[in-house]
Amino acid sequence: MQPLAFGAALAAGLALAGEVMAAPRVMSVDSCADQFVIALSPRDAIVGVSARADDPDSYMREQARGLPQRRATTETVLALRPDVVVRYWGGDARLSEALIRRGVAVVRIEDAQDFDQVRANVRAVAGALDQRAKGEALIAGMDARLARSKGAWDGKPAMYLTPTGYSSGGGTLIDAMLRAAGLTNLVSGPAWEPIPLEAIVRGPPSAFVLGFFSRLSGLTTRWGPGRHTVLQKRLPGRTIASLPGAQIGCPAWFVGEGVETLALAAPRDIR
């Protein structure tokens, strides 16, 4: 190797090593937190992820392989000496309080009703991990997908449905995703409400958006109303898209991919 090339490679290596050394030691304690930590933190700074990090419904499952999976107990977390712990719902109710008392920063991923709250989640975790540029890149990718998807369905009415028979009304991230793709949500009531099977069978919507129906989504119940054989006969030809849990199971940047999935399913004469 030429001296100049060797010097450049050495400088790059030292810079990378400095980044890893400077990066806060971080642990994620549930599946949603795993996605943020794996996407944003240098790998060598991750001291632990949850046992579900490489499950089929994990968006970052490929990148999670080989990372140490840890239990979300106070004792386990403290033994690993992280600087930052990221959580959505994981760990017992006293975990955050116990960690903060011992000087560990805890970043909470918040439920989101819209894309601004998703952006806030990304920025909160990215800031805590000193990875703001990476966070902004994730947000920019989501925003580009949203821009490409805007109005694709030109207001077509659709109903979101899960295997458990629940749908998503106004004030939810699912509702925001439908609207971002140009769909009109047929459910305007409570955020999450069961849809009577009889109502769907007697007057089925002309369009469904399915969530968690994929075998890779983790929500694998065979007996929910959404799995009923009568309804299954109504779904073919009426389903716009079936969104996997990996795209919609967490208020994170990759919901933009779910919106784009919906938009790409729109007929070309609408788009």
Protein backbone atom coordinates (compact mmCIF):
# COMPACT_ATOMS: atom_id res chain seq x y z
CA MET A 1 0.00 0.00 0.00
CA GLN A 2 1.31 3.48 -0.90
CA PRO A 3 2.17 5.74 2.07
CA LEU A 4 -0.60 8.22 1.27
CA ALA A 5 -3.19 5.48 0.86
CA PHE A 6 -2.02 3.83 4.07
CA GLY A 7 -2.25 7.15 5.91
CA ALA A 8 -5.80 7.76 4.64
CA ALA A 9 -6.90 4.26 5.63
CA LEU A 10 -5.33 4.66 9.07
CA ALA A 11 -7.05 8.01 9.59
CA ALA A 12 -10.41 6.57 8.55
CA GLY A 13 -9.93 3.62 10.90
CA LEU A 14 -9.01 5.88 13.79
CA ALA A 15 -12.01 8.09 13.11
CA LEU A 16 -14.32 5.06 13.11
CA ALA A 17 -12.76 3.76 16.30
CA GLY A 18 -13.20 7.17 17.88
CA GLU A 19 -16.87 7.20 16.88
CA VAL A 20 -17.45 3.79 18.49
CA MET A 21 -15.53 4.72 21.63
CA ALA A 22 -17.41 8.00 21.95
CA ALA A 23 -20.81 6.47 21.30
CA PRO A 24 -22.90 5.85 24.42
CA ARG A 25 -23.27 2.23 25.49
CA VAL A 26 -26.89 1.43 24.74
CA MET A 27 -29.43 -1.29 25.41
CA SER A 28 -32.96 -1.77 24.05
CA VAL A 29 -35.51 -3.63 26.15
CA ASP A 30 -38.34 -4.40 23.72
CA SER A 31 -38.92 -5.07 20.05
CA CYS A 32 -39.78 -1.50 19.07
CA ALA A 33 -36.77 -0.08 20.90
CA ASP A 34 -34.60 -2.66 19.12
CA GLN A 35 -35.42 -1.10 15.76
CA PHE A 36 -34.23 2.35 16.80
CA VAL A 37 -31.09 1.17 18.55
CA ILE A 38 -29.97 -1.16 15.75
CA ALA A 39 -30.60 1.50 13.08
CA LEU A 40 -28.95 4.37 14.93
CA SER A 41 -26.17 3.10 17.19
CA PRO A 42 -22.74 1.84 16.15
CA ARG A 43 -22.93 -1.91 16.53
CA ASP A 44 -20.04 -2.10 19.00
CA ALA A 45 -21.86 0.27 21.35
CA ILE A 46 -24.93 -1.98 21.64
CA VAL A 47 -24.65 -3.99 24.86
CA GLY A 48 -28.00 -5.74 24.48
CA VAL A 49 -31.24 -6.06 22.54
CA SER A 50 -34.48 -7.85 23.37
CA ALA A 51 -35.17 -11.52 22.73
CA ARG A 52 -37.46 -10.49 19.85
CA ALA A 53 -34.89 -8.45 17.94
CA ASP A 54 -34.51 -11.08 15.20
CA ASP A 55 -38.12 -12.29 15.13
CA PRO A 56 -39.91 -12.35 11.76
CA ASP A 57 -41.91 -9.21 12.62
CA SER A 58 -38.79 -7.19 13.44
CA TYR A 59 -37.97 -4.65 10.74
CA MET A 60 -34.24 -4.78 11.55
CA ARG A 61 -34.15 -8.56 12.00
CA GLU A 62 -31.29 -9.14 9.57
CA GLN A 63 -29.09 -6.56 11.25
CA ALA A 64 -30.05 -7.93 14.70
CA ARG A 65 -28.42 -11.29 14.12
CA GLY A 66 -25.37 -11.77 16.30
CA LEU A 67 -26.24 -9.02 18.77
CA PRO A 68 -26.51 -10.15 22.41
CA GLN A 69 -30.12 -10.72 23.50
CA ARG A 70 -30.82 -9.76 27.10
CA ARG A 71 -33.64 -9.95 29.61
CA ALA A 72 -35.33 -6.65 30.45
CA THR A 73 -34.81 -6.85 34.22
CA THR A 74 -33.29 -4.13 36.36
CA GLU A 75 -30.53 -6.47 37.53
CA THR A 76 -29.58 -7.51 33.99
CA VAL A 77 -29.57 -3.97 32.66
CA LEU A 78 -27.47 -2.58 35.50
CA ALA A 79 -24.95 -5.40 35.18
CA LEU A 80 -24.34 -4.40 31.54
CA ARG A 81 -23.62 -0.78 32.52
CA PRO A 82 -25.32 1.00 29.62
CA ASP A 83 -25.24 4.78 29.39
CA VAL A 84 -28.63 4.83 27.65
CA VAL A 85 -31.60 2.48 27.73
CA VAL A 86 -34.28 2.76 25.04
CA ARG A 87 -37.76 1.41 25.68
CA TYR A 88 -41.28 1.52 24.29
CA TRP A 89 -43.22 -0.84 26.57
CA GLY A 90 -40.62 -3.36 27.72
CA GLY A 91 -39.47 -4.08 31.24
CA ASP A 92 -41.42 -3.92 34.46
CA ALA A 93 -43.15 -0.75 35.63
CA ARG A 94 -40.30 0.24 37.96
CA LEU A 95 -37.48 -0.23 35.45
CA SER A 96 -37.17 3.38 34.28
CA GLU A 97 -37.24 4.79 37.79
CA ALA A 98 -34.62 2.35 39.03
CA LEU A 99 -32.29 3.09 36.13
CA ILE A 100 -32.60 6.86 36.36
CA ARG A 101 -31.80 6.69 40.09
CA ARG A 102 -28.54 4.99 39.18
CA GLY A 103 -27.57 7.52 36.53
CA VAL A 104 -28.71 5.64 33.41
CA ALA A 105 -30.47 7.79 30.80
CA VAL A 106 -33.81 6.30 29.72
CA VAL A 107 -35.33 7.30 26.37
CA ARG A 108 -39.00 6.47 25.96
CA ILE A 109 -40.47 5.90 22.48
CA GLU A 110 -43.91 7.48 22.54
CA ASP A 111 -47.09 6.34 20.83
CA ALA A 112 -47.65 8.34 17.67
CA GLN A 113 -50.83 9.63 16.08
CA ASP A 114 -49.10 11.24 13.13
CA PHE A 115 -45.78 11.50 11.31
CA ASP A 116 -44.59 14.49 13.32
CA GLN A 117 -44.64 12.29 16.42
CA VAL A 118 -42.70 9.61 14.53
CA ARG A 119 -40.10 12.22 13.65
CA ALA A 120 -39.95 13.24 17.31
CA ASN A 121 -39.30 9.61 18.34
CA VAL A 122 -36.43 9.27 15.88
CA ARG A 123 -34.89 12.57 16.97
CA ALA A 124 -35.20 11.71 20.66
CA VAL A 125 -33.32 8.43 20.31
CA ALA A 126 -30.81 9.80 17.79
CA GLY A 127 -30.03 12.71 20.09
CA ALA A 128 -29.51 10.46 23.12
CA LEU A 129 -27.11 8.30 21.10
CA ASP A 130 -25.22 11.24 19.54
CA GLN A 131 -26.32 10.07 16.11
CA ARG A 132 -28.40 13.02 14.91
CA ALA A 133 -27.22 12.78 11.30
CA LYS A 134 -28.35 9.16 11.12
CA GLY A 135 -31.69 10.13 12.61
CA GLU A 136 -32.24 12.88 10.07
CA ALA A 137 -31.37 10.45 7.27
CA LEU A 138 -34.06 8.04 8.49
CA ILE A 139 -36.58 10.88 8.64
CA ALA A 140 -35.61 12.08 5.17
CA GLY A 141 -36.16 8.58 3.81
CA MET A 142 -39.61 8.41 5.39
CA ASP A 143 -40.52 11.87 4.10
CA ALA A 144 -39.44 10.94 0.57
CA ARG A 145 -41.76 7.91 0.65
CA LEU A 146 -44.62 10.05 1.94
CA ALA A 147 -44.06 12.61 -0.81
CA ARG A 148 -44.09 9.91 -3.51
CA SER A 149 -47.27 8.41 -2.05
CA LYS A 150 -49.33 11.55 -1.54
CA GLY A 151 -52.89 11.28 -2.85
CA ALA A 152 -52.26 8.04 -4.73
CA TRP A 153 -55.76 6.65 -4.11
CA ASP A 154 -57.61 9.93 -4.70
CA GLY A 155 -59.88 9.54 -1.66
CA LYS A 156 -61.03 5.94 -2.15
CA PRO A 157 -62.78 4.64 1.02
CA ALA A 158 -61.10 1.71 2.76
CA MET A 159 -61.28 -0.19 6.05
CA TYR A 160 -58.26 -1.29 8.06
CA LEU A 161 -58.71 -4.73 9.61
CA THR A 162 -56.63 -7.04 11.82
CA PRO A 163 -57.07 -10.79 12.39
CA THR A 164 -58.60 -10.01 15.79
CA GLY A 165 -61.40 -8.10 14.08
CA TYR A 166 -60.26 -4.66 15.21
CA SER A 167 -60.02 -1.57 13.06
CA SER A 168 -58.35 1.79 13.54
CA GLY A 169 -60.27 5.06 13.59
CA GLY A 170 -59.25 8.70 13.71
CA GLY A 171 -56.31 9.92 15.75
CA THR A 172 -54.15 6.87 15.09
CA LEU A 173 -51.00 6.33 13.09
CA ILE A 174 -52.83 3.82 10.89
CA ASP A 175 -55.39 6.51 10.05
CA ALA A 176 -52.55 8.89 9.19
CA MET A 177 -51.00 6.23 6.95
CA LEU A 178 -54.26 5.64 5.07
CA ARG A 179 -54.73 9.36 4.51
CA ALA A 180 -51.11 9.78 3.42
CA ALA A 181 -51.72 7.29 0.60
CA GLY A 182 -54.89 9.09 -0.45
CA LEU A 183 -57.36 6.68 1.16
CA THR A 184 -60.42 7.71 3.18
CA ASN A 185 -60.73 5.75 6.43
CA LEU A 186 -64.19 4.19 6.69
CA VAL A 187 -63.85 4.02 10.48
CA SER A 188 -64.18 7.43 12.07
CA GLY A 189 -65.02 6.32 15.61
CA PRO A 190 -62.72 5.40 18.50
CA ALA A 191 -59.03 4.87 17.93
CA TRP A 192 -59.33 1.11 18.11
CA GLU A 193 -62.66 -0.68 17.96
CA PRO A 194 -63.93 -4.16 17.11
CA ILE A 195 -65.83 -4.44 13.85
CA PRO A 196 -68.77 -6.90 14.06
CA LEU A 197 -68.27 -9.73 11.62
CA GLU A 198 -71.94 -9.53 10.63
CA ALA A 199 -71.55 -5.91 9.54
CA ILE A 200 -68.62 -6.75 7.27
CA VAL A 201 -70.29 -9.80 5.78
CA ARG A 202 -73.61 -8.12 5.08
CA GLY A 203 -72.13 -4.97 3.61
CA PRO A 204 -68.42 -5.48 3.01
CA PRO A 205 -66.36 -2.41 2.08
CA SER A 206 -65.08 -2.25 -1.46
CA ALA A 207 -61.52 -2.01 -0.16
CA PHE A 208 -59.63 -3.47 2.81
CA VAL A 209 -56.19 -2.72 4.17
CA LEU A 210 -55.08 -5.70 6.23
CA GLY A 211 -52.65 -5.50 9.11
CA PHE A 212 -50.72 -8.36 10.78
CA PHE A 213 -52.35 -11.02 8.56
CA SER A 214 -48.98 -12.22 7.29
CA ARG A 215 -47.53 -15.31 8.94
CA LEU A 216 -44.42 -13.21 9.53
CA SER A 217 -46.32 -10.65 11.58
CA GLY A 218 -46.38 -12.36 14.95
CA LEU A 219 -50.16 -11.95 15.34
CA THR A 220 -50.93 -15.51 14.29
CA THR A 221 -54.29 -16.26 15.90
CA ARG A 222 -56.35 -18.66 13.80
CA TRP A 223 -59.65 -17.97 15.54
CA GLY A 224 -60.08 -14.20 15.40
CA PRO A 225 -63.01 -12.73 13.42
CA GLY A 226 -60.57 -11.65 10.72
CA ARG A 227 -59.77 -15.33 10.05
CA HIS A 228 -63.41 -16.39 9.70
CA THR A 229 -64.01 -18.39 6.52
CA VAL A 230 -66.96 -16.22 5.54
CA LEU A 231 -64.84 -13.08 5.68
CA GLN A 232 -61.98 -14.80 3.88
CA LYS A 233 -64.31 -15.21 0.92
CA ARG A 234 -64.93 -11.45 0.88
CA LEU A 235 -61.29 -10.37 1.01
CA PRO A 236 -59.98 -11.54 -2.40
CA GLY A 237 -60.44 -8.78 -4.93
CA ARG A 238 -61.13 -6.23 -2.20
CA THR A 239 -57.74 -6.14 -0.46
CA ILE A 240 -55.54 -3.21 -1.40
CA ALA A 241 -52.56 -4.46 0.58
CA SER A 242 -51.65 -6.64 3.54
CA LEU A 243 -49.19 -4.77 5.73
CA PRO A 244 -46.83 -6.92 7.82
CA GLY A 245 -46.13 -6.25 11.47
CA ALA A 246 -42.58 -5.29 10.54
CA GLN A 247 -43.94 -2.15 8.85
CA ILE A 248 -46.67 -1.12 11.28
CA GLY A 249 -45.86 -2.62 14.68
CA CYS A 250 -43.89 0.36 15.96
CA PRO A 251 -44.19 4.19 15.68
CA ALA A 252 -40.99 4.43 13.67
CA TRP A 253 -39.69 5.75 10.35
CA PHE A 254 -40.54 2.57 8.44
CA VAL A 255 -44.27 3.32 8.52
CA GLY A 256 -43.34 5.37 5.46
CA GLU A 257 -42.63 2.08 3.71
CA GLY A 258 -46.14 0.95 4.66
CA VAL A 259 -47.62 4.11 3.12
CA GLU A 260 -45.64 3.55 -0.05
CA THR A 261 -46.85 -0.06 -0.18
CA LEU A 262 -50.43 1.24 -0.18
CA ALA A 263 -49.70 3.89 -2.78
CA LEU A 264 -47.99 1.49 -5.18
CA ALA A 265 -51.12 -0.68 -5.14
CA ALA A 266 -53.22 2.14 -6.61
CA PRO A 267 -54.32 1.64 -10.23
CA ARG A 268 -52.20 3.63 -12.64
CA ASP A 269 -55.19 5.59 -13.93
CA ILE A 270 -55.63 6.95 -10.38
CA ARG A 271 -51.95 7.59 -9.85
